[in-house]
PDB file of N, CA and C in Angstrom:
ATOM      1  N   MET A   1       0.822  -1.189   0.000  1.00  0.00           N
ATOM      2  CA  MET A   1       0.000   0.000   0.000  1.00  0.00           C
ATOM      3  C   MET A   1       0.874   1.264   0.000  1.00  0.00           C
ATOM      4  N   LYS A   2       1.912   1.271   0.847  1.00  0.00           N
ATOM      5  CA  LYS A   2       2.805   2.416   0.914  1.00  0.00           C
ATOM      6  C   LYS A   2       3.505   2.616  -0.428  1.00  0.00           C
ATOM      7  N   ARG A   3       3.896   1.515  -1.053  1.00  0.00           N
ATOM      8  CA  ARG A   3       4.567   1.589  -2.359  1.00  0.00           C
ATOM      9  C   ARG A   3       3.629   2.194  -3.404  1.00  0.00           C
ATOM     10  N   MET A   4       2.346   1.850  -3.355  1.00  0.00           N
ATOM     11  CA  MET A   4       1.381   2.380  -4.306  1.00  0.00           C
ATOM     12  C   MET A   4       1.279   3.907  -4.159  1.00  0.00           C
ATOM     13  N   PHE A   5       1.256   4.404  -2.921  1.00  0.00           N
ATOM     14  CA  PHE A   5       1.189   5.847  -2.701  1.00  0.00           C
ATOM     15  C   PHE A   5       2.456   6.534  -3.196  1.00  0.00           C
ATOM     16  N   ASN A   6       3.599   5.888  -3.029  1.00  0.00           N
ATOM     17  CA  ASN A   6       4.847   6.452  -3.540  1.00  0.00           C
ATOM     18  C   ASN A   6       4.819   6.560  -5.056  1.00  0.00           C
ATOM     19  N   VAL A   7       4.305   5.520  -5.723  1.00  0.00           N
ATOM     20  CA  VAL A   7       4.211   5.532  -7.181  1.00  0.00           C
ATOM     21  C   VAL A   7       3.256   6.632  -7.634  1.00  0.00           C
ATOM     22  N   ILE A   8       2.125   6.766  -6.963  1.00  0.00           N
ATOM     23  CA  ILE A   8       1.162   7.813  -7.311  1.00  0.00           C
ATOM     24  C   ILE A   8       1.781   9.189  -7.095  1.00  0.00           C
ATOM     25  N   GLY A   9       2.500   9.363  -6.002  1.00  0.00           N
ATOM     26  CA  GLY A   9       3.155  10.634  -5.714  1.00  0.00           C
ATOM     27  C   GLY A   9       4.192  10.989  -6.761  1.00  0.00           C
ATOM     28  N   ILE A  10       4.980  10.020  -7.167  1.00  0.00           N
ATOM     29  CA  ILE A  10       6.004  10.248  -8.185  1.00  0.00           C
ATOM     30  C   ILE A  10       5.351  10.587  -9.523  1.00  0.00           C
ATOM     31  N   ALA A  11       4.288   9.877  -9.872  1.00  0.00           N
ATOM     32  CA  ALA A  11       3.581  10.148 -11.122  1.00  0.00           C
ATOM     33  C   ALA A  11       2.981  11.548 -11.108  1.00  0.00           C
ATOM     34  N   SER A  12       2.428  11.973  -9.985  1.00  0.00           N
ATOM     35  CA  SER A  12       1.854  13.317  -9.878  1.00  0.00           C
ATOM     36  C   SER A  12       2.935  14.371 -10.011  1.00  0.00           C
ATOM     37  N   LEU A  13       4.062  14.150  -9.392  1.00  0.00           N
ATOM     38  CA  LEU A  13       5.179  15.090  -9.475  1.00  0.00           C
ATOM     39  C   LEU A  13       5.688  15.181 -10.909  1.00  0.00           C
ATOM     40  N   ALA A  14       5.806  14.059 -11.571  1.00  0.00           N
ATOM     41  CA  ALA A  14       6.274  14.057 -12.960  1.00  0.00           C
ATOM     42  C   ALA A  14       5.303  14.815 -13.862  1.00  0.00           C
ATOM     43  N   ALA A  15       4.010  14.633 -13.635  1.00  0.00           N
ATOM     44  CA  ALA A  15       3.010  15.346 -14.430  1.00  0.00           C
ATOM     45  C   ALA A  15       3.110  16.846 -14.190  1.00  0.00           C
ATOM     46  N   ALA A  16       3.283  17.252 -12.953  1.00  0.00           N
ATOM     47  CA  ALA A  16       3.408  18.670 -12.633  1.00  0.00           C
ATOM     48  C   ALA A  16       4.671  19.256 -13.249  1.00  0.00           C
ATOM     49  N   MET A  17       5.754  18.500 -13.215  1.00  0.00           N
ATOM     50  CA  MET A  17       7.018  18.990 -13.747  1.00  0.00           C
ATOM     51  C   MET A  17       7.011  19.061 -15.267  1.00  0.00           C
ATOM     52  N   SER A  18       6.147  18.294 -15.923  1.00  0.00           N
ATOM     53  CA  SER A  18       6.134  18.306 -17.377  1.00  0.00           C
ATOM     54  C   SER A  18       5.727  19.675 -17.920  1.00  0.00           C
ATOM     55  N   PHE A  19       5.044  20.486 -17.117  1.00  0.00           N
ATOM     56  CA  PHE A  19       4.646  21.808 -17.549  1.00  0.00           C
ATOM     57  C   PHE A  19       5.511  22.897 -16.934  1.00  0.00           C
ATOM     58  N   ALA A  20       6.503  22.519 -16.140  1.00  0.00           N
ATOM     59  CA  ALA A  20       7.370  23.516 -15.531  1.00  0.00           C
ATOM     60  C   ALA A  20       8.310  24.066 -16.591  1.00  0.00           C
ATOM     61  N   GLY A  21       8.222  25.358 -16.797  1.00  0.00           N
ATOM     62  CA  GLY A  21       9.067  25.971 -17.793  1.00  0.00           C
ATOM     63  C   GLY A  21      10.069  26.920 -17.159  1.00  0.00           C
ATOM     64  N   ASN A  22      10.890  27.495 -17.990  1.00  0.00           N
ATOM     65  CA  ASN A  22      11.912  28.440 -17.574  1.00  0.00           C
ATOM     66  C   ASN A  22      11.378  29.848 -17.827  1.00  0.00           C
ATOM     67  N   ALA A  23      11.046  30.563 -16.754  1.00  0.00           N
ATOM     68  CA  ALA A  23      10.431  31.882 -16.882  1.00  0.00           C
ATOM     69  C   ALA A  23      11.348  32.889 -17.577  1.00  0.00           C
ATOM     70  N   ALA A  24      12.656  32.801 -17.344  1.00  0.00           N
ATOM     71  CA  ALA A  24      13.587  33.736 -17.993  1.00  0.00           C
ATOM     72  C   ALA A  24      13.588  33.533 -19.504  1.00  0.00           C
ATOM     73  N   ALA A  25      13.633  32.289 -19.933  1.00  0.00           N
ATOM     74  CA  ALA A  25      13.560  31.988 -21.365  1.00  0.00           C
ATOM     75  C   ALA A  25      12.182  32.376 -21.907  1.00  0.00           C
ATOM     76  N   GLY A  26      11.169  32.154 -21.085  1.00  0.00           N
ATOM     77  CA  GLY A  26       9.803  32.494 -21.479  1.00  0.00           C
ATOM     78  C   GLY A  26       9.620  33.982 -21.705  1.00  0.00           C
ATOM     79  N   LYS A  27      10.293  34.797 -20.905  1.00  0.00           N
ATOM     80  CA  LYS A  27      10.194  36.260 -21.082  1.00  0.00           C
ATOM     81  C   LYS A  27      10.724  36.660 -22.452  1.00  0.00           C
ATOM     82  N   ALA A  28      11.837  36.086 -22.848  1.00  0.00           N
ATOM     83  CA  ALA A  28      12.413  36.400 -24.164  1.00  0.00           C
ATOM     84  C   ALA A  28      11.456  35.982 -25.279  1.00  0.00           C
ATOM     85  N   ASP A  29      10.885  34.778 -25.168  1.00  0.00           N
ATOM     86  CA  ASP A  29       9.935  34.305 -26.177  1.00  0.00           C
ATOM     87  C   ASP A  29       8.658  35.141 -26.157  1.00  0.00           C
ATOM     88  N   TYR A  30       8.187  35.506 -24.970  1.00  0.00           N
ATOM     89  CA  TYR A  30       6.995  36.354 -24.826  1.00  0.00           C
ATOM     90  C   TYR A  30       7.233  37.691 -25.528  1.00  0.00           C
ATOM     91  N   ASN A  31       8.401  38.281 -25.298  1.00  0.00           N
ATOM     92  CA  ASN A  31       8.709  39.572 -25.911  1.00  0.00           C
ATOM     93  C   ASN A  31       8.715  39.489 -27.430  1.00  0.00           C
ATOM     94  N   LYS A  32       9.122  38.358 -27.986  1.00  0.00           N
ATOM     95  CA  LYS A  32       9.154  38.182 -29.442  1.00  0.00           C
ATOM     96  C   LYS A  32       7.776  37.888 -30.022  1.00  0.00           C
ATOM     97  N   ALA A  33       7.002  37.043 -29.334  1.00  0.00           N
ATOM     98  CA  ALA A  33       5.783  36.509 -29.944  1.00  0.00           C
ATOM     99  C   ALA A  33       4.470  37.044 -29.366  1.00  0.00           C
ATOM    100  N   CYS A  34       4.495  37.613 -28.167  1.00  0.00           N
ATOM    101  CA  CYS A  34       3.242  37.943 -27.479  1.00  0.00           C
ATOM    102  C   CYS A  34       3.084  39.417 -27.135  1.00  0.00           C
ATOM    103  N   LYS A  35       4.202  40.085 -26.908  1.00  0.00           N
ATOM    104  CA  LYS A  35       4.204  41.451 -26.378  1.00  0.00           C
ATOM    105  C   LYS A  35       3.447  42.438 -27.260  1.00  0.00           C
ATOM    106  N   SER A  36       3.494  42.282 -28.563  1.00  0.00           N
ATOM    107  CA  SER A  36       2.832  43.256 -29.444  1.00  0.00           C
ATOM    108  C   SER A  36       1.326  43.307 -29.207  1.00  0.00           C
ATOM    109  N   CYS A  37       0.722  42.201 -28.817  1.00  0.00           N
ATOM    110  CA  CYS A  37      -0.716  42.174 -28.531  1.00  0.00           C
ATOM    111  C   CYS A  37      -1.017  42.277 -27.034  1.00  0.00           C
ATOM    112  N   HIS A  38      -0.236  41.572 -26.236  1.00  0.00           N
ATOM    113  CA  HIS A  38      -0.523  41.479 -24.804  1.00  0.00           C
ATOM    114  C   HIS A  38       0.258  42.460 -23.946  1.00  0.00           C
ATOM    115  N   GLY A  39       1.096  43.269 -24.542  1.00  0.00           N
ATOM    116  CA  GLY A  39       1.836  44.285 -23.806  1.00  0.00           C
ATOM    117  C   GLY A  39       2.984  43.721 -23.005  1.00  0.00           C
ATOM    118  N   ALA A  40       3.926  44.583 -22.679  1.00  0.00           N
ATOM    119  CA  ALA A  40       5.113  44.156 -21.931  1.00  0.00           C
ATOM    120  C   ALA A  40       4.769  43.642 -20.545  1.00  0.00           C
ATOM    121  N   ASP A  41       3.724  44.211 -19.949  1.00  0.00           N
ATOM    122  CA  ASP A  41       3.356  43.830 -18.581  1.00  0.00           C
ATOM    123  C   ASP A  41       2.135  42.912 -18.519  1.00  0.00           C
ATOM    124  N   GLY A  42       1.681  42.429 -19.670  1.00  0.00           N
ATOM    125  CA  GLY A  42       0.533  41.527 -19.707  1.00  0.00           C
ATOM    126  C   GLY A  42      -0.800  42.226 -19.904  1.00  0.00           C
ATOM    127  N   LYS A  43      -0.780  43.552 -19.906  1.00  0.00           N
ATOM    128  CA  LYS A  43      -2.013  44.309 -20.150  1.00  0.00           C
ATOM    129  C   LYS A  43      -2.160  44.510 -21.651  1.00  0.00           C
ATOM    130  N   ALA A  44      -3.313  44.206 -22.172  1.00  0.00           N
ATOM    131  CA  ALA A  44      -3.543  44.203 -23.618  1.00  0.00           C
ATOM    132  C   ALA A  44      -3.231  45.538 -24.275  1.00  0.00           C
ATOM    133  N   ASN A  45      -2.777  45.456 -25.501  1.00  0.00           N
ATOM    134  CA  ASN A  45      -2.528  46.618 -26.339  1.00  0.00           C
ATOM    135  C   ASN A  45      -3.890  47.163 -26.787  1.00  0.00           C
ATOM    136  N   PRO A  46      -4.258  48.387 -26.371  1.00  0.00           N
ATOM    137  CA  PRO A  46      -5.581  48.930 -26.717  1.00  0.00           C
ATOM    138  C   PRO A  46      -5.828  49.023 -28.228  1.00  0.00           C
ATOM    139  N   ALA A  47      -4.800  49.295 -29.004  1.00  0.00           N
ATOM    140  CA  ALA A  47      -4.973  49.390 -30.456  1.00  0.00           C
ATOM    141  C   ALA A  47      -5.362  48.037 -31.047  1.00  0.00           C
ATOM    142  N   ILE A  48      -4.772  46.976 -30.521  1.00  0.00           N
ATOM    143  CA  ILE A  48      -5.101  45.623 -31.007  1.00  0.00           C
ATOM    144  C   ILE A  48      -6.536  45.271 -30.606  1.00  0.00           C
ATOM    145  N   GLU A  49      -6.904  45.595 -29.375  1.00  0.00           N
ATOM    146  CA  GLU A  49      -8.282  45.332 -28.924  1.00  0.00           C
ATOM    147  C   GLU A  49      -9.284  46.045 -29.836  1.00  0.00           C
ATOM    148  N   LYS A  50      -9.012  47.298 -30.133  1.00  0.00           N
ATOM    149  CA  LYS A  50      -9.918  48.082 -30.973  1.00  0.00           C
ATOM    150  C   LYS A  50      -9.985  47.517 -32.387  1.00  0.00           C
ATOM    151  N   MET A  51      -8.819  47.220 -32.954  1.00  0.00           N
ATOM    152  CA  MET A  51      -8.758  46.703 -34.318  1.00  0.00           C
ATOM    153  C   MET A  51      -9.487  45.359 -34.435  1.00  0.00           C
ATOM    154  N   MET A  52      -9.287  44.486 -33.436  1.00  0.00           N
ATOM    155  CA  MET A  52      -9.885  43.147 -33.493  1.00  0.00           C
ATOM    156  C   MET A  52     -11.300  43.108 -32.908  1.00  0.00           C
ATOM    157  N   LYS A  53     -11.726  44.250 -32.344  1.00  0.00           N
ATOM    158  CA  LYS A  53     -13.048  44.345 -31.720  1.00  0.00           C
ATOM    159  C   LYS A  53     -13.229  43.244 -30.675  1.00  0.00           C
ATOM    160  N   VAL A  54     -12.250  43.203 -29.756  1.00  0.00           N
ATOM    161  CA  VAL A  54     -12.260  42.186 -28.712  1.00  0.00           C
ATOM    162  C   VAL A  54     -11.687  42.797 -27.443  1.00  0.00           C
ATOM    163  N   GLU A  55     -12.126  42.305 -26.304  1.00  0.00           N
ATOM    164  CA  GLU A  55     -11.548  42.714 -25.037  1.00  0.00           C
ATOM    165  C   GLU A  55     -10.656  41.578 -24.538  1.00  0.00           C
ATOM    166  N   MET A  56      -9.375  41.874 -24.397  1.00  0.00           N
ATOM    167  CA  MET A  56      -8.427  40.856 -23.945  1.00  0.00           C
ATOM    168  C   MET A  56      -8.229  41.002 -22.441  1.00  0.00           C
ATOM    169  N   LYS A  57      -8.144  39.880 -21.765  1.00  0.00           N
ATOM    170  CA  LYS A  57      -7.918  39.897 -20.323  1.00  0.00           C
ATOM    171  C   LYS A  57      -6.475  40.266 -20.018  1.00  0.00           C
ATOM    172  N   ASP A  58      -6.306  41.012 -18.940  1.00  0.00           N
ATOM    173  CA  ASP A  58      -4.975  41.327 -18.440  1.00  0.00           C
ATOM    174  C   ASP A  58      -4.366  40.019 -17.948  1.00  0.00           C
ATOM    175  N   LEU A  59      -3.179  39.678 -18.403  1.00  0.00           N
ATOM    176  CA  LEU A  59      -2.552  38.412 -18.034  1.00  0.00           C
ATOM    177  C   LEU A  59      -2.185  38.352 -16.555  1.00  0.00           C
ATOM    178  N   LYS A  60      -2.172  39.515 -15.886  1.00  0.00           N
ATOM    179  CA  LYS A  60      -1.908  39.548 -14.444  1.00  0.00           C
ATOM    180  C   LYS A  60      -3.171  39.279 -13.624  1.00  0.00           C
ATOM    181  N   SER A  61      -4.322  39.310 -14.255  1.00  0.00           N
ATOM    182  CA  SER A  61      -5.588  39.196 -13.533  1.00  0.00           C
ATOM    183  C   SER A  61      -5.740  37.824 -12.877  1.00  0.00           C
ATOM    184  N   PRO A  62      -6.455  37.788 -11.761  1.00  0.00           N
ATOM    185  CA  PRO A  62      -6.701  36.498 -11.100  1.00  0.00           C
ATOM    186  C   PRO A  62      -7.373  35.479 -12.024  1.00  0.00           C
ATOM    187  N   ASP A  63      -8.238  35.958 -12.923  1.00  0.00           N
ATOM    188  CA  ASP A  63      -8.912  35.044 -13.859  1.00  0.00           C
ATOM    189  C   ASP A  63      -7.914  34.300 -14.731  1.00  0.00           C
ATOM    190  N   VAL A  64      -6.911  34.991 -15.209  1.00  0.00           N
ATOM    191  CA  VAL A  64      -5.902  34.362 -16.063  1.00  0.00           C
ATOM    192  C   VAL A  64      -4.929  33.557 -15.212  1.00  0.00           C
ATOM    193  N   GLN A  65      -4.517  34.111 -14.095  1.00  0.00           N
ATOM    194  CA  GLN A  65      -3.522  33.450 -13.258  1.00  0.00           C
ATOM    195  C   GLN A  65      -4.016  32.115 -12.688  1.00  0.00           C
ATOM    196  N   LYS A  66      -5.336  31.957 -12.540  1.00  0.00           N
ATOM    197  CA  LYS A  66      -5.850  30.693 -11.995  1.00  0.00           C
ATOM    198  C   LYS A  66      -6.021  29.605 -13.067  1.00  0.00           C
ATOM    199  N   VAL A  67      -5.859  29.973 -14.328  1.00  0.00           N
ATOM    200  CA  VAL A  67      -5.934  28.987 -15.408  1.00  0.00           C
ATOM    201  C   VAL A  67      -4.739  28.047 -15.275  1.00  0.00           C
ATOM    202  N   SER A  68      -4.979  26.768 -15.451  1.00  0.00           N
ATOM    203  CA  SER A  68      -3.891  25.792 -15.303  1.00  0.00           C
ATOM    204  C   SER A  68      -2.820  26.011 -16.366  1.00  0.00           C
ATOM    205  N   ASP A  69      -1.617  25.586 -16.033  1.00  0.00           N
ATOM    206  CA  ASP A  69      -0.505  25.685 -16.982  1.00  0.00           C
ATOM    207  C   ASP A  69      -0.850  24.948 -18.277  1.00  0.00           C
ATOM    208  N   ALA A  70      -1.445  23.781 -18.144  1.00  0.00           N
ATOM    209  CA  ALA A  70      -1.792  22.982 -19.335  1.00  0.00           C
ATOM    210  C   ALA A  70      -2.785  23.729 -20.222  1.00  0.00           C
ATOM    211  N   ASP A  71      -3.764  24.393 -19.610  1.00  0.00           N
ATOM    212  CA  ASP A  71      -4.747  25.127 -20.403  1.00  0.00           C
ATOM    213  C   ASP A  71      -4.141  26.369 -21.044  1.00  0.00           C
ATOM    214  N   LEU A  72      -3.259  27.063 -20.327  1.00  0.00           N
ATOM    215  CA  LEU A  72      -2.582  28.214 -20.926  1.00  0.00           C
ATOM    216  C   LEU A  72      -1.713  27.774 -22.105  1.00  0.00           C
ATOM    217  N   LYS A  73      -1.019  26.661 -21.929  1.00  0.00           N
ATOM    218  CA  LYS A  73      -0.182  26.147 -23.014  1.00  0.00           C
ATOM    219  C   LYS A  73      -1.039  25.806 -24.231  1.00  0.00           C
ATOM    220  N   LYS A  74      -2.193  25.229 -23.995  1.00  0.00           N
ATOM    221  CA  LYS A  74      -3.100  24.879 -25.091  1.00  0.00           C
ATOM    222  C   LYS A  74      -3.553  26.138 -25.835  1.00  0.00           C
ATOM    223  N   ILE A  75      -3.835  27.211 -25.087  1.00  0.00           N
ATOM    224  CA  ILE A  75      -4.236  28.467 -25.716  1.00  0.00           C
ATOM    225  C   ILE A  75      -3.101  29.010 -26.579  1.00  0.00           C
ATOM    226  N   VAL A  76      -1.888  28.974 -26.059  1.00  0.00           N
ATOM    227  CA  VAL A  76      -0.728  29.457 -26.822  1.00  0.00           C
ATOM    228  C   VAL A  76      -0.570  28.637 -28.103  1.00  0.00           C
ATOM    229  N   GLU A  77      -0.644  27.330 -27.981  1.00  0.00           N
ATOM    230  CA  GLU A  77      -0.373  26.456 -29.130  1.00  0.00           C
ATOM    231  C   GLU A  77      -1.540  26.323 -30.107  1.00  0.00           C
ATOM    232  N   GLU A  78      -2.782  26.443 -29.602  1.00  0.00           N
ATOM    233  CA  GLU A  78      -3.941  26.218 -30.466  1.00  0.00           C
ATOM    234  C   GLU A  78      -4.781  27.461 -30.712  1.00  0.00           C
ATOM    235  N   GLY A  79      -4.529  28.528 -29.946  1.00  0.00           N
ATOM    236  CA  GLY A  79      -5.322  29.743 -30.070  1.00  0.00           C
ATOM    237  C   GLY A  79      -6.619  29.635 -29.275  1.00  0.00           C
ATOM    238  N   GLN A  80      -7.325  30.752 -29.206  1.00  0.00           N
ATOM    239  CA  GLN A  80      -8.618  30.790 -28.516  1.00  0.00           C
ATOM    240  C   GLN A  80      -9.354  32.036 -28.981  1.00  0.00           C
ATOM    241  N   GLY A  81     -10.619  31.870 -29.346  1.00  0.00           N
ATOM    242  CA  GLY A  81     -11.380  33.011 -29.846  1.00  0.00           C
ATOM    243  C   GLY A  81     -10.708  33.578 -31.081  1.00  0.00           C
ATOM    244  N   LYS A  82     -10.465  34.884 -31.076  1.00  0.00           N
ATOM    245  CA  LYS A  82      -9.808  35.524 -32.221  1.00  0.00           C
ATOM    246  C   LYS A  82      -8.295  35.387 -32.192  1.00  0.00           C
ATOM    247  N   MET A  83      -7.756  34.885 -31.076  1.00  0.00           N
ATOM    248  CA  MET A  83      -6.308  34.688 -30.991  1.00  0.00           C
ATOM    249  C   MET A  83      -5.926  33.440 -31.791  1.00  0.00           C
ATOM    250  N   LYS A  84      -5.033  33.636 -32.719  1.00  0.00           N
ATOM    251  CA  LYS A  84      -4.538  32.521 -33.543  1.00  0.00           C
ATOM    252  C   LYS A  84      -3.473  31.747 -32.769  1.00  0.00           C
ATOM    253  N   PRO A  85      -3.233  30.494 -33.137  1.00  0.00           N
ATOM    254  CA  PRO A  85      -2.124  29.752 -32.519  1.00  0.00           C
ATOM    255  C   PRO A  85      -0.804  30.486 -32.757  1.00  0.00           C
ATOM    256  N   VAL A  86       0.074  30.422 -31.782  1.00  0.00           N
ATOM    257  CA  VAL A  86       1.390  31.055 -31.919  1.00  0.00           C
ATOM    258  C   VAL A  86       2.333  29.966 -32.431  1.00  0.00           C
ATOM    259  N   LYS A  87       2.513  29.934 -33.741  1.00  0.00           N
ATOM    260  CA  LYS A  87       3.272  28.861 -34.396  1.00  0.00           C
ATOM    261  C   LYS A  87       4.725  28.782 -33.928  1.00  0.00           C
ATOM    262  N   SER A  88       5.289  29.914 -33.525  1.00  0.00           N
ATOM    263  CA  SER A  88       6.690  29.906 -33.095  1.00  0.00           C
ATOM    264  C   SER A  88       6.866  29.378 -31.676  1.00  0.00           C
ATOM    265  N   LEU A  89       5.758  29.134 -30.979  1.00  0.00           N
ATOM    266  CA  LEU A  89       5.835  28.635 -29.602  1.00  0.00           C
ATOM    267  C   LEU A  89       5.141  27.292 -29.484  1.00  0.00           C
ATOM    268  N   SER A  90       5.927  26.271 -29.270  1.00  0.00           N
ATOM    269  CA  SER A  90       5.363  24.945 -29.024  1.00  0.00           C
ATOM    270  C   SER A  90       6.302  24.196 -28.096  1.00  0.00           C
ATOM    271  N   GLY A  91       5.809  23.121 -27.529  1.00  0.00           N
ATOM    272  CA  GLY A  91       6.636  22.301 -26.651  1.00  0.00           C
ATOM    273  C   GLY A  91       7.210  23.084 -25.493  1.00  0.00           C
ATOM    274  N   SER A  92       8.518  22.980 -25.302  1.00  0.00           N
ATOM    275  CA  SER A  92       9.146  23.610 -24.145  1.00  0.00           C
ATOM    276  C   SER A  92       9.112  25.133 -24.228  1.00  0.00           C
ATOM    277  N   ALA A  93       9.099  25.706 -25.427  1.00  0.00           N
ATOM    278  CA  ALA A  93       9.006  27.165 -25.553  1.00  0.00           C
ATOM    279  C   ALA A  93       7.661  27.654 -25.037  1.00  0.00           C
ATOM    280  N   ALA A  94       6.604  26.913 -25.314  1.00  0.00           N
ATOM    281  CA  ALA A  94       5.283  27.272 -24.790  1.00  0.00           C
ATOM    282  C   ALA A  94       5.263  27.119 -23.272  1.00  0.00           C
ATOM    283  N   ASP A  95       5.896  26.063 -22.754  1.00  0.00           N
ATOM    284  CA  ASP A  95       6.005  25.892 -21.300  1.00  0.00           C
ATOM    285  C   ASP A  95       6.720  27.087 -20.673  1.00  0.00           C
ATOM    286  N   ASP A  96       7.767  27.568 -21.340  1.00  0.00           N
ATOM    287  CA  ASP A  96       8.533  28.698 -20.835  1.00  0.00           C
ATOM    288  C   ASP A  96       7.681  29.969 -20.799  1.00  0.00           C
ATOM    289  N   VAL A  97       6.902  30.198 -21.838  1.00  0.00           N
ATOM    290  CA  VAL A  97       6.040  31.380 -21.880  1.00  0.00           C
ATOM    291  C   VAL A  97       4.984  31.294 -20.778  1.00  0.00           C
ATOM    292  N   VAL A  98       4.421  30.118 -20.574  1.00  0.00           N
ATOM    293  CA  VAL A  98       3.444  29.938 -19.495  1.00  0.00           C
ATOM    294  C   VAL A  98       4.097  30.242 -18.152  1.00  0.00           C
ATOM    295  N   ALA A  99       5.308  29.759 -17.938  1.00  0.00           N
ATOM    296  CA  ALA A  99       6.015  30.032 -16.686  1.00  0.00           C
ATOM    297  C   ALA A  99       6.215  31.536 -16.510  1.00  0.00           C
ATOM    298  N   TYR A 100       6.541  32.227 -17.590  1.00  0.00           N
ATOM    299  CA  TYR A 100       6.702  33.683 -17.511  1.00  0.00           C
ATOM    300  C   TYR A 100       5.378  34.369 -17.203  1.00  0.00           C
ATOM    301  N   ILE A 101       4.312  33.967 -17.863  1.00  0.00           N
ATOM    302  CA  ILE A 101       2.996  34.560 -17.612  1.00  0.00           C
ATOM    303  C   ILE A 101       2.628  34.431 -16.130  1.00  0.00           C
ATOM    304  N   LYS A 102       2.950  33.279 -15.551  1.00  0.00           N
ATOM    305  CA  LYS A 102       2.642  33.063 -14.122  1.00  0.00           C
ATOM    306  C   LYS A 102       3.437  33.996 -13.213  1.00  0.00           C
ATOM    307  N   THR A 103       4.559  34.545 -13.688  1.00  0.00           N
ATOM    308  CA  THR A 103       5.328  35.483 -12.856  1.00  0.00           C
ATOM    309  C   THR A 103       4.727  36.886 -12.889  1.00  0.00           C
ATOM    310  N   LEU A 104       3.824  37.156 -13.809  1.00  0.00           N
ATOM    311  CA  LEU A 104       3.260  38.488 -13.943  1.00  0.00           C
ATOM    312  C   LEU A 104       2.319  38.870 -12.803  1.00  0.00           C
ATOM    313  N   LYS A 105       1.839  37.885 -12.072  1.00  0.00           N
ATOM    314  CA  LYS A 105       0.897  38.184 -10.983  1.00  0.00           C
ATOM    315  C   LYS A 105       1.523  39.095  -9.986  1.00  0.00           C
TER     316      LYS A 105
END
């Protein structure tokens, strides 16, 4: 029984670590691929909002910060609403951007 809990604990840790990214690397990727729309500090670019006729959430907001890493990564890689997938960010680069977004809180 104890061994089963150890295996479950290790599996949970491995799953959590699979989305752990490098926030410093993520900042560089964010600045290249995301900053023009989402702003340097995570607050949306008003010109982009107006042009696209959409209201973008501030990435520092509790609503965004409570989104799971896996779901944020999916948004980056697959897009959401009017946001297109970010083709230059996938795999570990997307993990890194998610890690950076989580530091904005």
